[in-house]
Amino acid sequence: LEALELIETSNDHNGGDSDAAFQKTSIRRGLMKGLILGMGRRDTESRGKALPILQEAANNADEGGFVGLRAAILNASGLIKYQMAGNSIDLLQSGAKDLDAAFRLNIYIGDARSCFQQMRNVGLIHAKLSRLTDSPELLEQAITEFKRGEKFLFRLSKNRIMGELLEIRFRLGESLVAAGRFDEAEPILSKVREERVNQADWHNEARTLELLVKCAYGMKVSGNVSVELSKRANQIKLIYEDALTNESKQERFVKVPITASNGRQILQTSSHLVKDVDLNLSMELQKISDSLFNNH
């Protein structure tokens, strides 16, 4: 509320500013107000108020010729629509349209990092739309967008992009698994998992291992599938077995609830998929899940 009040009270024209500078400042205020309402708050009413504010700001940026600013506004609008859409196909499609427009503007001005962000975000939308509409074509489109986003990252300094690179490779692997392209997904996800181990990022390592379990389950290679499936499921077991006595992990489950909901899903998925090849391991995974997450 204080941030919104500051924006409202700073709208007086400063006579010393040029008209163009004032216009640009006014548009930026619209962007900030839209971001605060749309992403700083969780209620539907605030997010609904954000969209017309951002639409007006985007129109004003277009009239003023502020290409980069208009791209930032369209990106914000697309993200807010994605976050508030739920299973609304119309709102997801509208968000994708905003992100695609932002991407084209950032191509024009040569902003590689923003191009990556838009490709990642529109890929997430198309992956979700593919599930909602049962459309393999949209899933293939998401895969293409994740690959394209990865290419934009390579235009940037490597030490700046590792986290984002791992994220988009995870999303690419996730979409390839959903498309049943396990042979392509496995080496990508294996490398992501190695980096997560190096970073001691156990939560994202477990998320990646869940996809590798699905890969192993889906790769019907006689003699290899059961060994790889048990290996990956056991790696998940070790992560969460440690959490039974690791206070730091337990504290994270409380402070970041999504790590608990993800953990339950990862353990249950692995328990289900490994059941036919290693019943004891399946039961151990379920027992760990019950011990850790029954109260979450």
Protein backbone atom coordinates (compact mmCIF):
# COMPACT_ATOMS: atom_id res chain seq x y z
CA LEU A 1 0.00 0.00 0.00
CA GLU A 2 2.80 2.45 0.87
CA ALA A 3 4.50 1.78 -2.48
CA LEU A 4 1.26 2.48 -4.35
CA GLU A 5 0.74 5.70 -2.39
CA LEU A 6 4.27 6.85 -3.28
CA ILE A 7 3.55 6.21 -6.96
CA GLU A 8 0.26 8.15 -6.78
CA THR A 9 1.78 11.14 -4.97
CA SER A 10 4.73 11.37 -7.39
CA ASN A 11 2.56 11.98 -10.46
CA ASP A 12 2.84 15.77 -10.46
CA HIS A 13 4.58 17.18 -13.54
CA ASN A 14 7.96 18.66 -12.78
CA GLY A 15 8.19 21.71 -14.98
CA GLY A 16 11.92 21.22 -15.46
CA ASP A 17 11.45 17.88 -17.23
CA SER A 18 11.07 17.62 -20.98
CA ASP A 19 7.73 16.31 -22.21
CA ALA A 20 9.36 13.09 -23.46
CA ALA A 21 11.16 12.51 -20.15
CA PHE A 22 7.98 13.15 -18.20
CA GLN A 23 6.02 10.81 -20.47
CA LYS A 24 8.59 8.07 -20.00
CA THR A 25 8.59 8.55 -16.23
CA SER A 26 4.78 8.42 -16.18
CA ILE A 27 4.80 5.17 -18.18
CA ARG A 28 7.37 3.66 -15.80
CA ARG A 29 5.08 4.51 -12.89
CA GLY A 30 2.30 2.64 -14.65
CA LEU A 31 4.59 -0.37 -15.05
CA MET A 32 5.59 -0.25 -11.38
CA LYS A 33 1.99 0.09 -10.23
CA GLY A 34 0.96 -2.82 -12.44
CA LEU A 35 3.80 -4.97 -11.09
CA ILE A 36 2.94 -4.18 -7.47
CA LEU A 37 -0.73 -5.01 -7.98
CA GLY A 38 -0.15 -7.97 -10.27
CA MET A 39 2.89 -9.70 -8.80
CA GLY A 40 3.34 -8.15 -5.35
CA ARG A 41 -0.14 -9.27 -4.28
CA ARG A 42 -1.88 -12.62 -4.46
CA ASP A 43 -5.55 -11.68 -4.59
CA THR A 44 -7.46 -11.91 -7.87
CA GLU A 45 -8.91 -8.40 -7.53
CA SER A 46 -5.49 -6.72 -7.41
CA ARG A 47 -4.22 -8.76 -10.34
CA GLY A 48 -7.36 -7.87 -12.29
CA LYS A 49 -6.70 -4.16 -11.64
CA ALA A 50 -3.11 -4.53 -12.84
CA LEU A 51 -3.97 -5.61 -16.38
CA PRO A 52 -5.75 -2.43 -17.60
CA ILE A 53 -3.05 -0.30 -15.99
CA LEU A 54 -0.39 -2.23 -17.91
CA GLN A 55 -2.43 -2.11 -21.12
CA GLU A 56 -2.65 1.69 -20.89
CA ALA A 57 1.07 1.92 -20.13
CA ALA A 58 1.89 -0.32 -23.12
CA ASN A 59 -0.24 1.86 -25.42
CA ASN A 60 1.45 5.01 -24.15
CA ALA A 61 4.90 3.45 -24.60
CA ASP A 62 3.95 2.52 -28.17
CA GLU A 63 2.81 6.08 -28.91
CA GLY A 64 6.00 7.50 -27.40
CA GLY A 65 8.27 5.10 -29.29
CA PHE A 66 9.74 3.59 -26.11
CA VAL A 67 10.44 0.10 -27.47
CA GLY A 68 12.32 -1.41 -24.53
CA LEU A 69 9.81 -0.02 -22.03
CA ARG A 70 6.87 -1.40 -24.02
CA ALA A 71 8.58 -4.80 -24.13
CA ALA A 72 8.99 -4.75 -20.32
CA ILE A 73 5.31 -3.87 -19.86
CA LEU A 74 4.12 -6.63 -22.20
CA ASN A 75 6.40 -9.10 -20.42
CA ALA A 76 4.89 -8.11 -17.05
CA SER A 77 1.37 -8.43 -18.45
CA GLY A 78 2.13 -11.88 -19.86
CA LEU A 79 3.58 -13.13 -16.56
CA ILE A 80 0.64 -11.83 -14.53
CA LYS A 81 -1.84 -13.51 -16.88
CA TYR A 82 0.13 -16.77 -16.59
CA GLN A 83 0.12 -16.60 -12.78
CA MET A 84 -3.59 -15.80 -12.48
CA ALA A 85 -4.80 -18.03 -15.32
CA GLY A 86 -5.18 -21.32 -13.49
CA ASN A 87 -6.69 -23.55 -16.17
CA SER A 88 -8.15 -20.70 -18.22
CA ILE A 89 -7.12 -21.39 -21.81
CA ASP A 90 -8.15 -17.90 -22.99
CA LEU A 91 -6.04 -16.15 -20.35
CA LEU A 92 -3.04 -18.41 -21.01
CA GLN A 93 -3.30 -17.71 -24.75
CA SER A 94 -3.52 -13.98 -24.05
CA GLY A 95 -0.41 -14.20 -21.84
CA ALA A 96 1.46 -16.04 -24.58
CA LYS A 97 0.47 -13.32 -27.07
CA ASP A 98 1.88 -10.60 -24.78
CA LEU A 99 5.12 -12.52 -24.27
CA ASP A 100 5.53 -13.14 -28.00
CA ALA A 101 5.06 -9.42 -28.68
CA ALA A 102 7.64 -8.58 -25.98
CA PHE A 103 10.04 -11.10 -27.51
CA ARG A 104 9.76 -9.52 -30.97
CA LEU A 105 10.47 -6.06 -29.54
CA ASN A 106 13.51 -7.34 -27.63
CA ILE A 107 14.80 -9.03 -30.80
CA TYR A 108 14.56 -5.60 -32.44
CA ILE A 109 16.62 -3.85 -29.74
CA GLY A 110 19.00 -6.81 -29.24
CA ASP A 111 18.26 -7.61 -25.58
CA ALA A 112 19.39 -11.25 -25.39
CA ARG A 113 18.61 -11.77 -21.69
CA SER A 114 15.05 -10.56 -22.09
CA CYS A 115 14.65 -12.70 -25.22
CA PHE A 116 15.68 -15.72 -23.15
CA GLN A 117 13.18 -14.84 -20.43
CA GLN A 118 10.32 -14.48 -22.90
CA MET A 119 11.16 -17.77 -24.65
CA ARG A 120 11.28 -19.55 -21.29
CA ASN A 121 7.99 -18.05 -20.11
CA VAL A 122 6.07 -18.59 -23.34
CA GLY A 123 7.43 -22.15 -23.37
CA LEU A 124 5.98 -22.70 -19.89
CA ILE A 125 2.60 -21.43 -21.10
CA HIS A 126 2.59 -23.60 -24.21
CA ALA A 127 3.63 -26.66 -22.14
CA LYS A 128 0.68 -26.01 -19.81
CA LEU A 129 -1.69 -25.41 -22.72
CA SER A 130 -0.57 -28.69 -24.25
CA ARG A 131 -1.68 -30.52 -21.09
CA LEU A 132 -4.99 -28.67 -20.89
CA THR A 133 -5.87 -29.16 -24.57
CA ASP A 134 -4.11 -32.51 -25.09
CA SER A 135 -2.13 -30.94 -27.94
CA PRO A 136 1.21 -32.58 -28.86
CA GLU A 137 1.81 -29.71 -31.30
CA LEU A 138 1.87 -27.16 -28.45
CA LEU A 139 4.28 -29.37 -26.49
CA GLU A 140 6.62 -29.50 -29.50
CA GLN A 141 6.32 -25.71 -29.74
CA ALA A 142 7.33 -25.41 -26.08
CA ILE A 143 10.36 -27.66 -26.70
CA THR A 144 11.41 -25.43 -29.62
CA GLU A 145 11.01 -22.32 -27.44
CA PHE A 146 13.13 -23.76 -24.62
CA LYS A 147 15.86 -24.66 -27.13
CA ARG A 148 15.68 -21.20 -28.66
CA GLY A 149 15.85 -19.57 -25.24
CA GLU A 150 18.99 -21.57 -24.45
CA LYS A 151 20.66 -20.14 -27.56
CA PHE A 152 20.03 -16.59 -26.40
CA LEU A 153 21.77 -17.35 -23.10
CA PHE A 154 24.98 -18.25 -24.90
CA ARG A 155 25.25 -14.64 -26.07
CA LEU A 156 25.83 -13.65 -22.45
CA SER A 157 28.81 -14.13 -20.16
CA LYS A 158 28.88 -17.73 -18.92
CA ASN A 159 29.39 -16.80 -15.27
CA ARG A 160 26.13 -14.82 -15.38
CA ILE A 161 23.92 -17.48 -16.88
CA MET A 162 24.52 -20.80 -15.11
CA GLY A 163 21.38 -20.67 -12.95
CA GLU A 164 19.19 -19.65 -15.88
CA LEU A 165 20.84 -22.22 -18.15
CA LEU A 166 20.11 -25.02 -15.70
CA GLU A 167 16.53 -23.81 -15.37
CA ILE A 168 15.80 -23.77 -19.08
CA ARG A 169 17.54 -27.13 -19.61
CA PHE A 170 15.40 -28.57 -16.82
CA ARG A 171 12.28 -27.21 -18.54
CA LEU A 172 13.47 -28.58 -21.88
CA GLY A 173 14.06 -32.00 -20.32
CA GLU A 174 10.68 -31.86 -18.60
CA SER A 175 8.91 -31.14 -21.90
CA LEU A 176 10.88 -33.85 -23.74
CA VAL A 177 9.81 -36.36 -21.07
CA ALA A 178 6.19 -35.25 -21.45
CA ALA A 179 6.55 -35.74 -25.22
CA GLY A 180 7.93 -39.27 -24.69
CA ARG A 181 11.32 -38.32 -26.15
CA PHE A 182 13.25 -40.04 -23.37
CA ASP A 183 16.48 -40.64 -25.34
CA GLU A 184 16.83 -36.89 -25.88
CA ALA A 185 15.79 -35.94 -22.35
CA GLU A 186 18.09 -38.30 -20.43
CA PRO A 187 21.52 -36.80 -21.27
CA ILE A 188 20.23 -33.25 -20.79
CA LEU A 189 18.74 -34.04 -17.39
CA SER A 190 21.80 -36.06 -16.30
CA LYS A 191 24.02 -33.01 -16.83
CA VAL A 192 21.55 -30.77 -15.00
CA ARG A 193 21.56 -33.20 -12.10
CA GLU A 194 25.39 -33.21 -11.99
CA GLU A 195 25.43 -29.41 -11.73
CA ARG A 196 22.80 -29.46 -8.98
CA VAL A 197 24.99 -31.91 -7.05
CA ASN A 198 27.99 -29.60 -7.49
CA GLN A 199 25.92 -26.70 -6.17
CA ALA A 200 24.62 -28.77 -3.22
CA ASP A 201 21.09 -27.88 -4.39
CA TRP A 202 19.36 -31.02 -3.09
CA HIS A 203 15.81 -29.87 -3.81
CA ASN A 204 16.38 -29.15 -7.50
CA GLU A 205 18.54 -32.28 -7.72
CA ALA A 206 15.54 -34.29 -6.50
CA ARG A 207 13.22 -32.57 -9.00
CA THR A 208 15.63 -33.51 -11.79
CA LEU A 209 15.95 -37.08 -10.51
CA GLU A 210 12.16 -37.43 -10.63
CA LEU A 211 12.31 -36.71 -14.37
CA LEU A 212 15.21 -39.16 -14.75
CA VAL A 213 13.09 -41.83 -13.03
CA LYS A 214 10.36 -41.14 -15.59
CA CYS A 215 12.98 -41.40 -18.37
CA ALA A 216 14.21 -44.75 -17.07
CA TYR A 217 10.65 -46.01 -16.76
CA GLY A 218 9.83 -44.85 -20.27
CA MET A 219 12.94 -46.24 -21.95
CA LYS A 220 11.92 -49.83 -22.54
CA VAL A 221 15.45 -51.14 -23.02
CA SER A 222 15.66 -54.74 -21.89
CA GLY A 223 18.25 -55.31 -19.18
CA ASN A 224 19.02 -51.62 -18.64
CA VAL A 225 15.74 -50.06 -17.65
CA SER A 226 15.37 -51.79 -14.27
CA VAL A 227 18.97 -51.01 -13.23
CA GLU A 228 18.70 -47.32 -14.18
CA LEU A 229 15.24 -46.99 -12.66
CA SER A 230 16.36 -48.45 -9.33
CA LYS A 231 19.53 -46.33 -9.37
CA ARG A 232 17.67 -43.04 -9.86
CA ALA A 233 14.94 -43.93 -7.35
CA ASN A 234 17.60 -44.86 -4.79
CA GLN A 235 19.31 -41.48 -5.31
CA ILE A 236 15.99 -39.83 -4.45
CA LYS A 237 15.69 -42.07 -1.40
CA LEU A 238 19.10 -40.94 -0.12
CA ILE A 239 18.17 -37.24 -0.41
CA TYR A 240 14.96 -37.58 1.60
CA GLU A 241 16.25 -40.24 3.97
CA ASP A 242 18.81 -37.66 5.08
CA ALA A 243 15.96 -35.18 5.62
CA LEU A 244 14.56 -37.43 8.36
CA THR A 245 17.39 -36.28 10.64
CA ASN A 246 18.61 -33.13 8.85
CA GLU A 247 17.20 -30.08 10.68
CA SER A 248 18.20 -27.71 7.87
CA LYS A 249 16.12 -29.63 5.33
CA GLN A 250 13.20 -29.92 7.76
CA GLU A 251 13.31 -26.18 8.39
CA ARG A 252 13.23 -25.52 4.64
CA PHE A 253 10.12 -27.68 4.28
CA VAL A 254 8.39 -25.36 6.77
CA LYS A 255 9.70 -22.04 5.45
CA VAL A 256 9.30 -22.94 1.75
CA PRO A 257 6.16 -25.11 1.60
CA ILE A 258 6.56 -25.92 -2.09
CA THR A 259 9.68 -27.96 -1.22
CA ALA A 260 7.45 -30.15 0.95
CA SER A 261 4.71 -30.55 -1.68
CA ASN A 262 7.36 -31.25 -4.33
CA GLY A 263 9.08 -33.74 -2.03
CA ARG A 264 5.86 -35.65 -1.43
CA GLN A 265 5.18 -35.79 -5.17
CA ILE A 266 8.74 -36.86 -6.01
CA LEU A 267 8.72 -39.69 -3.47
CA GLN A 268 5.26 -40.93 -4.44
CA THR A 269 5.99 -40.81 -8.17
CA SER A 270 9.25 -42.71 -7.69
CA SER A 271 7.59 -45.24 -5.38
CA HIS A 272 4.91 -45.93 -7.97
CA LEU A 273 7.25 -46.23 -10.97
CA VAL A 274 9.85 -48.43 -9.29
CA LYS A 275 7.27 -50.78 -7.75
CA ASP A 276 7.42 -53.44 -10.46
CA VAL A 277 11.21 -53.73 -10.45
CA ASP A 278 12.02 -53.20 -6.74
CA LEU A 279 9.08 -53.58 -4.34
CA ASN A 280 11.22 -53.06 -1.22
CA LEU A 281 12.58 -49.76 -2.54
CA SER A 282 9.07 -48.68 -3.47
CA MET A 283 7.86 -49.34 0.08
CA GLU A 284 10.84 -47.51 1.58
CA LEU A 285 10.14 -44.42 -0.55
CA GLN A 286 6.49 -44.40 0.53
CA LYS A 287 7.48 -44.81 4.19
CA ILE A 288 9.87 -41.82 3.96
CA SER A 289 7.11 -39.75 2.35
CA ASP A 290 4.69 -40.63 5.15
CA SER A 291 7.28 -39.83 7.83
CA LEU A 292 8.26 -36.47 6.36
CA PHE A 293 5.07 -35.05 4.92
CA ASN A 294 1.99 -36.47 6.65
CA ASN A 295 1.78 -33.29 8.74
CA HIS A 296 2.43 -30.87 5.83
